[in-house]
Each structure stands twice: as structure tokens, then as C-alpha cells.
């Protein structure tokens, strides 16, 4: 996804961690 923004000419990118699905109705965060 970041590469798509860069290829469109914009290098001002933030990436946000918001958890990963862990089965139904639940999220976990892998802080790595």
C-alpha cells in the first residue's frame, strides 16, 4: 500500500497498527 502512494508521487506516509483478527469478534496486537 505504501508503494502505491509513493509511485503516485507522494512520500509523506504514515502507517498505523490497529490489531489483527484473531478468530471471530476479536483482535490481538502483535507489537512487533
ModelCIF file with pLDDT and N, C-alpha, C, O atoms, coordinates in Angstrom:
data_MODEL
#
_entry.id   MODEL 
#
_entity.id                         1 
_entity.type                       polymer 
_entity.pdbx_number_of_molecules   1 
#
_entity_poly.entity_id                      1 
_entity_poly.type                           'polypeptide(L)' 
_entity_poly.nstd_linkage                   no 
_entity_poly.nstd_monomer                   no 
_entity_poly.pdbx_seq_one_letter_code       
;(UNK)(UNK)(UNK)(UNK)(UNK)(UNK)(UNK)(UNK)(UNK)(UNK)(UNK)(UNK)(UNK)(UNK)(UNK)(UNK)
(UNK)(UNK)(UNK)(UNK)(UNK)(UNK)(UNK)(UNK)(UNK)(UNK)(UNK)(UNK)(UNK)(UNK)(UNK)(UNK)
;
_entity_poly.pdbx_seq_one_letter_code_can   XXXXXXXXXXXXXXXXXXXXXXXXXXXXXXXX 
_entity_poly.pdbx_strand_id                 A 
#
loop_
_entity_poly_seq.entity_id 
_entity_poly_seq.num 
_entity_poly_seq.mon_id 
_entity_poly_seq.hetero 
1 1  UNK n 
1 2  UNK n 
1 3  UNK n 
1 4  UNK n 
1 5  UNK n 
1 6  UNK n 
1 7  UNK n 
1 8  UNK n 
1 9  UNK n 
1 10 UNK n 
1 11 UNK n 
1 12 UNK n 
1 13 UNK n 
1 14 UNK n 
1 15 UNK n 
1 16 UNK n 
1 17 UNK n 
1 18 UNK n 
1 19 UNK n 
1 20 UNK n 
1 21 UNK n 
1 22 UNK n 
1 23 UNK n 
1 24 UNK n 
1 25 UNK n 
1 26 UNK n 
1 27 UNK n 
1 28 UNK n 
1 29 UNK n 
1 30 UNK n 
1 31 UNK n 
1 32 UNK n 
#
_struct_asym.id          A 
_struct_asym.entity_id   1 
#
loop_
_ma_qa_metric.id 
_ma_qa_metric.mode 
_ma_qa_metric.name 
_ma_qa_metric.software_group_id 
_ma_qa_metric.type 
1 global pLDDT . pLDDT 
2 local  pLDDT . pLDDT 
#
_ma_qa_metric_global.metric_id      1 
_ma_qa_metric_global.metric_value   94.88 
_ma_qa_metric_global.model_id       1 
_ma_qa_metric_global.ordinal_id     1 
#
loop_
_ma_qa_metric_local.label_asym_id 
_ma_qa_metric_local.label_comp_id 
_ma_qa_metric_local.label_seq_id 
_ma_qa_metric_local.metric_id 
_ma_qa_metric_local.metric_value 
_ma_qa_metric_local.model_id 
_ma_qa_metric_local.ordinal_id 
A UNK 1  2 98.00 1 1  
A UNK 2  2 98.00 1 2  
A UNK 3  2 98.00 1 3  
A UNK 4  2 98.00 1 4  
A UNK 5  2 98.00 1 5  
A UNK 6  2 98.00 1 6  
A UNK 7  2 98.00 1 7  
A UNK 8  2 98.00 1 8  
A UNK 9  2 98.00 1 9  
A UNK 10 2 98.00 1 10 
A UNK 11 2 98.00 1 11 
A UNK 12 2 98.00 1 12 
A UNK 13 2 98.00 1 13 
A UNK 14 2 98.00 1 14 
A UNK 15 2 98.00 1 15 
A UNK 16 2 98.00 1 16 
A UNK 17 2 98.00 1 17 
A UNK 18 2 95.00 1 18 
A UNK 19 2 95.00 1 19 
A UNK 20 2 94.00 1 20 
A UNK 21 2 89.00 1 21 
A UNK 22 2 87.00 1 22 
A UNK 23 2 82.00 1 23 
A UNK 24 2 85.00 1 24 
A UNK 25 2 82.00 1 25 
A UNK 26 2 87.00 1 26 
A UNK 27 2 91.00 1 27 
A UNK 28 2 94.00 1 28 
A UNK 29 2 96.00 1 29 
A UNK 30 2 97.00 1 30 
A UNK 31 2 98.00 1 31 
A UNK 32 2 98.00 1 32 
#
loop_
_atom_site.group_PDB 
_atom_site.id 
_atom_site.type_symbol 
_atom_site.label_atom_id 
_atom_site.label_alt_id 
_atom_site.label_comp_id 
_atom_site.label_asym_id 
_atom_site.label_entity_id 
_atom_site.label_seq_id 
_atom_site.pdbx_PDB_ins_code 
_atom_site.Cartn_x 
_atom_site.Cartn_y 
_atom_site.Cartn_z 
_atom_site.occupancy 
_atom_site.B_iso_or_equiv 
_atom_site.pdbx_formal_charge 
_atom_site.auth_seq_id 
_atom_site.auth_comp_id 
_atom_site.auth_asym_id 
_atom_site.auth_atom_id 
_atom_site.pdbx_PDB_model_num 
ATOM 1   N N  . UNK A 1 1  ? 0.818   -1.218  0.000  1.00 98.00 ? 1  UNK A N  1 
ATOM 2   C CA . UNK A 1 1  ? 0.000   0.000   0.000  1.00 98.00 ? 1  UNK A CA 1 
ATOM 3   C C  . UNK A 1 1  ? 0.854   1.272   0.000  1.00 98.00 ? 1  UNK A C  1 
ATOM 4   O O  . UNK A 1 1  ? 0.543   2.240   -0.694 1.00 98.00 ? 1  UNK A O  1 
ATOM 5   N N  . UNK A 1 2  ? 1.941   1.255   0.792  1.00 98.00 ? 2  UNK A N  1 
ATOM 6   C CA . UNK A 1 2  ? 2.814   2.433   0.823  1.00 98.00 ? 2  UNK A CA 1 
ATOM 7   C C  . UNK A 1 2  ? 3.466   2.666   -0.532 1.00 98.00 ? 2  UNK A C  1 
ATOM 8   O O  . UNK A 1 2  ? 3.633   3.807   -0.962 1.00 98.00 ? 2  UNK A O  1 
ATOM 9   N N  . UNK A 1 3  ? 3.831   1.577   -1.199 1.00 98.00 ? 3  UNK A N  1 
ATOM 10  C CA . UNK A 1 3  ? 4.454   1.706   -2.510 1.00 98.00 ? 3  UNK A CA 1 
ATOM 11  C C  . UNK A 1 3  ? 3.505   2.367   -3.517 1.00 98.00 ? 3  UNK A C  1 
ATOM 12  O O  . UNK A 1 3  ? 3.938   3.150   -4.363 1.00 98.00 ? 3  UNK A O  1 
ATOM 13  N N  . UNK A 1 4  ? 2.216   2.047   -3.419 1.00 98.00 ? 4  UNK A N  1 
ATOM 14  C CA . UNK A 1 4  ? 1.241   2.657   -4.327 1.00 98.00 ? 4  UNK A CA 1 
ATOM 15  C C  . UNK A 1 4  ? 1.205   4.171   -4.146 1.00 98.00 ? 4  UNK A C  1 
ATOM 16  O O  . UNK A 1 4  ? 1.109   4.916   -5.122 1.00 98.00 ? 4  UNK A O  1 
ATOM 17  N N  . UNK A 1 5  ? 1.284   4.628   -2.883 1.00 98.00 ? 5  UNK A N  1 
ATOM 18  C CA . UNK A 1 5  ? 1.298   6.063   -2.613 1.00 98.00 ? 5  UNK A CA 1 
ATOM 19  C C  . UNK A 1 5  ? 2.583   6.691   -3.143 1.00 98.00 ? 5  UNK A C  1 
ATOM 20  O O  . UNK A 1 5  ? 2.552   7.759   -3.756 1.00 98.00 ? 5  UNK A O  1 
ATOM 21  N N  . UNK A 1 6  ? 3.702   6.032   -2.909 1.00 98.00 ? 6  UNK A N  1 
ATOM 22  C CA . UNK A 1 6  ? 4.989   6.552   -3.393 1.00 98.00 ? 6  UNK A CA 1 
ATOM 23  C C  . UNK A 1 6  ? 5.017   6.617   -4.921 1.00 98.00 ? 6  UNK A C  1 
ATOM 24  O O  . UNK A 1 6  ? 5.477   7.603   -5.496 1.00 98.00 ? 6  UNK A O  1 
ATOM 25  N N  . UNK A 1 7  ? 4.524   5.567   -5.570 1.00 98.00 ? 7  UNK A N  1 
ATOM 26  C CA . UNK A 1 7  ? 4.539   5.543   -7.040 1.00 98.00 ? 7  UNK A CA 1 
ATOM 27  C C  . UNK A 1 7  ? 3.641   6.629   -7.630 1.00 98.00 ? 7  UNK A C  1 
ATOM 28  O O  . UNK A 1 7  ? 3.810   7.035   -8.780 1.00 98.00 ? 7  UNK A O  1 
ATOM 29  N N  . UNK A 1 8  ? 2.683   7.093   -6.823 1.00 98.00 ? 8  UNK A N  1 
ATOM 30  C CA . UNK A 1 8  ? 1.822   8.192   -7.260 1.00 98.00 ? 8  UNK A CA 1 
ATOM 31  C C  . UNK A 1 8  ? 2.457   9.552   -6.980 1.00 98.00 ? 8  UNK A C  1 
ATOM 32  O O  . UNK A 1 8  ? 1.853   10.591  -7.249 1.00 98.00 ? 8  UNK A O  1 
ATOM 33  N N  . UNK A 1 9  ? 3.679   9.544   -6.438 1.00 98.00 ? 9  UNK A N  1 
ATOM 34  C CA . UNK A 1 9  ? 4.432   10.783  -6.275 1.00 98.00 ? 9  UNK A CA 1 
ATOM 35  C C  . UNK A 1 9  ? 4.386   11.409  -4.898 1.00 98.00 ? 9  UNK A C  1 
ATOM 36  O O  . UNK A 1 9  ? 4.737   12.578  -4.743 1.00 98.00 ? 9  UNK A O  1 
ATOM 37  N N  . UNK A 1 10 ? 3.960   10.655  -3.892 1.00 98.00 ? 10 UNK A N  1 
ATOM 38  C CA . UNK A 1 10 ? 3.833   11.208  -2.538 1.00 98.00 ? 10 UNK A CA 1 
ATOM 39  C C  . UNK A 1 10 ? 4.606   10.326  -1.565 1.00 98.00 ? 10 UNK A C  1 
ATOM 40  O O  . UNK A 1 10 ? 4.307   9.140   -1.431 1.00 98.00 ? 10 UNK A O  1 
ATOM 41  N N  . UNK A 1 11 ? 5.589   10.895  -0.893 1.00 98.00 ? 11 UNK A N  1 
ATOM 42  C CA . UNK A 1 11 ? 6.387   10.136  0.070  1.00 98.00 ? 11 UNK A CA 1 
ATOM 43  C C  . UNK A 1 11 ? 6.036   10.472  1.517  1.00 98.00 ? 11 UNK A C  1 
ATOM 44  O O  . UNK A 1 11 ? 6.715   10.032  2.444  1.00 98.00 ? 11 UNK A O  1 
ATOM 45  N N  . UNK A 1 12 ? 4.972   11.253  1.706  1.00 98.00 ? 12 UNK A N  1 
ATOM 46  C CA . UNK A 1 12 ? 4.549   11.626  3.060  1.00 98.00 ? 12 UNK A CA 1 
ATOM 47  C C  . UNK A 1 12 ? 3.540   10.584  3.562  1.00 98.00 ? 12 UNK A C  1 
ATOM 48  O O  . UNK A 1 12 ? 2.329   10.740  3.404  1.00 98.00 ? 12 UNK A O  1 
ATOM 49  N N  . UNK A 1 13 ? 4.066   9.536   4.163  1.00 98.00 ? 13 UNK A N  1 
ATOM 50  C CA . UNK A 1 13 ? 3.251   8.373   4.505  1.00 98.00 ? 13 UNK A CA 1 
ATOM 51  C C  . UNK A 1 13 ? 3.387   8.048   5.985  1.00 98.00 ? 13 UNK A C  1 
ATOM 52  O O  . UNK A 1 13 ? 4.488   8.053   6.537  1.00 98.00 ? 13 UNK A O  1 
ATOM 53  N N  . UNK A 1 14 ? 2.256   7.765   6.618  1.00 98.00 ? 14 UNK A N  1 
ATOM 54  C CA . UNK A 1 14 ? 2.218   7.191   7.964  1.00 98.00 ? 14 UNK A CA 1 
ATOM 55  C C  . UNK A 1 14 ? 1.588   5.810   7.857  1.00 98.00 ? 14 UNK A C  1 
ATOM 56  O O  . UNK A 1 14 ? 0.704   5.587   7.030  1.00 98.00 ? 14 UNK A O  1 
ATOM 57  N N  . UNK A 1 15 ? 2.042   4.888   8.689  1.00 98.00 ? 15 UNK A N  1 
ATOM 58  C CA . UNK A 1 15 ? 1.430   3.567   8.783  1.00 98.00 ? 15 UNK A CA 1 
ATOM 59  C C  . UNK A 1 15 ? 0.898   3.384   10.192 1.00 98.00 ? 15 UNK A C  1 
ATOM 60  O O  . UNK A 1 15 ? 1.572   3.722   11.166 1.00 98.00 ? 15 UNK A O  1 
ATOM 61  N N  . UNK A 1 16 ? -0.312  2.847   10.302 1.00 98.00 ? 16 UNK A N  1 
ATOM 62  C CA . UNK A 1 16 ? -0.952  2.725   11.610 1.00 98.00 ? 16 UNK A CA 1 
ATOM 63  C C  . UNK A 1 16 ? -1.273  1.269   11.925 1.00 98.00 ? 16 UNK A C  1 
ATOM 64  O O  . UNK A 1 16 ? -1.908  0.571   11.134 1.00 98.00 ? 16 UNK A O  1 
ATOM 65  N N  . UNK A 1 17 ? -0.825  0.828   13.087 1.00 98.00 ? 17 UNK A N  1 
ATOM 66  C CA . UNK A 1 17 ? -1.141  -0.503  13.616 1.00 98.00 ? 17 UNK A CA 1 
ATOM 67  C C  . UNK A 1 17 ? -2.473  -0.439  14.355 1.00 98.00 ? 17 UNK A C  1 
ATOM 68  O O  . UNK A 1 17 ? -2.689  0.461   15.167 1.00 98.00 ? 17 UNK A O  1 
ATOM 69  N N  . UNK A 1 18 ? -3.389  -1.407  14.073 1.00 95.00 ? 18 UNK A N  1 
ATOM 70  C CA . UNK A 1 18 ? -4.687  -1.378  14.750 1.00 95.00 ? 18 UNK A CA 1 
ATOM 71  C C  . UNK A 1 18 ? -5.202  -2.777  15.077 1.00 95.00 ? 18 UNK A C  1 
ATOM 72  O O  . UNK A 1 18 ? -6.405  -2.991  15.226 1.00 95.00 ? 18 UNK A O  1 
ATOM 73  N N  . UNK A 1 19 ? -4.261  -3.735  15.185 1.00 95.00 ? 19 UNK A N  1 
ATOM 74  C CA . UNK A 1 19 ? -4.646  -5.071  15.588 1.00 95.00 ? 19 UNK A CA 1 
ATOM 75  C C  . UNK A 1 19 ? -4.880  -6.009  14.421 1.00 95.00 ? 19 UNK A C  1 
ATOM 76  O O  . UNK A 1 19 ? -5.010  -5.578  13.275 1.00 95.00 ? 19 UNK A O  1 
ATOM 77  N N  . UNK A 1 20 ? -4.932  -7.290  14.726 1.00 94.00 ? 20 UNK A N  1 
ATOM 78  C CA . UNK A 1 20 ? -5.096  -8.350  13.741 1.00 94.00 ? 20 UNK A CA 1 
ATOM 79  C C  . UNK A 1 20 ? -6.238  -9.260  14.175 1.00 94.00 ? 20 UNK A C  1 
ATOM 80  O O  . UNK A 1 20 ? -6.378  -9.559  15.361 1.00 94.00 ? 20 UNK A O  1 
ATOM 81  N N  . UNK A 1 21 ? -7.047  -9.695  13.231 1.00 89.00 ? 21 UNK A N  1 
ATOM 82  C CA . UNK A 1 21 ? -8.156  -10.581 13.566 1.00 89.00 ? 21 UNK A CA 1 
ATOM 83  C C  . UNK A 1 21 ? -7.648  -11.866 14.204 1.00 89.00 ? 21 UNK A C  1 
ATOM 84  O O  . UNK A 1 21 ? -6.684  -12.470 13.734 1.00 89.00 ? 21 UNK A O  1 
ATOM 85  N N  . UNK A 1 22 ? -8.307  -12.273 15.277 1.00 87.00 ? 22 UNK A N  1 
ATOM 86  C CA . UNK A 1 22 ? -7.951  -13.499 15.987 1.00 87.00 ? 22 UNK A CA 1 
ATOM 87  C C  . UNK A 1 22 ? -9.254  -14.266 16.210 1.00 87.00 ? 22 UNK A C  1 
ATOM 88  O O  . UNK A 1 22 ? -9.880  -14.169 17.265 1.00 87.00 ? 22 UNK A O  1 
ATOM 89  N N  . UNK A 1 23 ? -9.643  -15.028 15.190 1.00 82.00 ? 23 UNK A N  1 
ATOM 90  C CA . UNK A 1 23 ? -10.940 -15.672 15.262 1.00 82.00 ? 23 UNK A CA 1 
ATOM 91  C C  . UNK A 1 23 ? -12.048 -14.653 15.069 1.00 82.00 ? 23 UNK A C  1 
ATOM 92  O O  . UNK A 1 23 ? -11.812 -13.560 14.555 1.00 82.00 ? 23 UNK A O  1 
ATOM 93  N N  . UNK A 1 24 ? -13.266 -15.015 15.484 1.00 85.00 ? 24 UNK A N  1 
ATOM 94  C CA . UNK A 1 24 ? -14.410 -14.129 15.323 1.00 85.00 ? 24 UNK A CA 1 
ATOM 95  C C  . UNK A 1 24 ? -14.478 -13.102 16.449 1.00 85.00 ? 24 UNK A C  1 
ATOM 96  O O  . UNK A 1 24 ? -14.214 -13.418 17.610 1.00 85.00 ? 24 UNK A O  1 
ATOM 97  N N  . UNK A 1 25 ? -14.841 -11.845 16.086 1.00 82.00 ? 25 UNK A N  1 
ATOM 98  C CA . UNK A 1 25 ? -15.151 -10.799 17.077 1.00 82.00 ? 25 UNK A CA 1 
ATOM 99  C C  . UNK A 1 25 ? -13.999 -10.469 18.009 1.00 82.00 ? 25 UNK A C  1 
ATOM 100 O O  . UNK A 1 25 ? -14.227 -10.012 19.129 1.00 82.00 ? 25 UNK A O  1 
ATOM 101 N N  . UNK A 1 26 ? -12.774 -10.690 17.576 1.00 87.00 ? 26 UNK A N  1 
ATOM 102 C CA . UNK A 1 26 ? -11.665 -10.416 18.479 1.00 87.00 ? 26 UNK A CA 1 
ATOM 103 C C  . UNK A 1 26 ? -10.445 -9.947  17.689 1.00 87.00 ? 26 UNK A C  1 
ATOM 104 O O  . UNK A 1 26 ? -10.210 -10.372 16.558 1.00 87.00 ? 26 UNK A O  1 
ATOM 105 N N  . UNK A 1 27 ? -9.683  -9.065  18.315 1.00 91.00 ? 27 UNK A N  1 
ATOM 106 C CA . UNK A 1 27 ? -8.436  -8.574  17.748 1.00 91.00 ? 27 UNK A CA 1 
ATOM 107 C C  . UNK A 1 27 ? -7.307  -8.825  18.741 1.00 91.00 ? 27 UNK A C  1 
ATOM 108 O O  . UNK A 1 27 ? -7.517  -8.814  19.954 1.00 91.00 ? 27 UNK A O  1 
ATOM 109 N N  . UNK A 1 28 ? -6.124  -9.047  18.217 1.00 94.00 ? 28 UNK A N  1 
ATOM 110 C CA . UNK A 1 28 ? -4.920  -9.048  19.043 1.00 94.00 ? 28 UNK A CA 1 
ATOM 111 C C  . UNK A 1 28 ? -3.922  -8.103  18.392 1.00 94.00 ? 28 UNK A C  1 
ATOM 112 O O  . UNK A 1 28 ? -4.005  -7.829  17.194 1.00 94.00 ? 28 UNK A O  1 
ATOM 113 N N  . UNK A 1 29 ? -2.981  -7.610  19.180 1.00 96.00 ? 29 UNK A N  1 
ATOM 114 C CA . UNK A 1 29 ? -1.934  -6.737  18.647 1.00 96.00 ? 29 UNK A CA 1 
ATOM 115 C C  . UNK A 1 29 ? -0.593  -7.438  18.785 1.00 96.00 ? 29 UNK A C  1 
ATOM 116 O O  . UNK A 1 29 ? -0.193  -7.825  19.883 1.00 96.00 ? 29 UNK A O  1 
ATOM 117 N N  . UNK A 1 30 ? 0.084   -7.596  17.682 1.00 97.00 ? 30 UNK A N  1 
ATOM 118 C CA . UNK A 1 30 ? 1.460   -8.072  17.673 1.00 97.00 ? 30 UNK A CA 1 
ATOM 119 C C  . UNK A 1 30 ? 2.339   -6.826  17.604 1.00 97.00 ? 30 UNK A C  1 
ATOM 120 O O  . UNK A 1 30 ? 2.507   -6.237  16.536 1.00 97.00 ? 30 UNK A O  1 
ATOM 121 N N  . UNK A 1 31 ? 2.893   -6.432  18.736 1.00 98.00 ? 31 UNK A N  1 
ATOM 122 C CA . UNK A 1 31 ? 3.626   -5.169  18.793 1.00 98.00 ? 31 UNK A CA 1 
ATOM 123 C C  . UNK A 1 31 ? 4.923   -5.204  17.988 1.00 98.00 ? 31 UNK A C  1 
ATOM 124 O O  . UNK A 1 31 ? 5.539   -4.160  17.769 1.00 98.00 ? 31 UNK A O  1 
ATOM 125 N N  . UNK A 1 32 ? 5.343   -6.378  17.549 1.00 98.00 ? 32 UNK A N  1 
ATOM 126 C CA . UNK A 1 32 ? 6.499   -6.437  16.651 1.00 98.00 ? 32 UNK A CA 1 
ATOM 127 C C  . UNK A 1 32 ? 6.198   -5.732  15.337 1.00 98.00 ? 32 UNK A C  1 
ATOM 128 O O  . UNK A 1 32 ? 7.055   -5.678  14.455 1.00 98.00 ? 32 UNK A O  1 
#
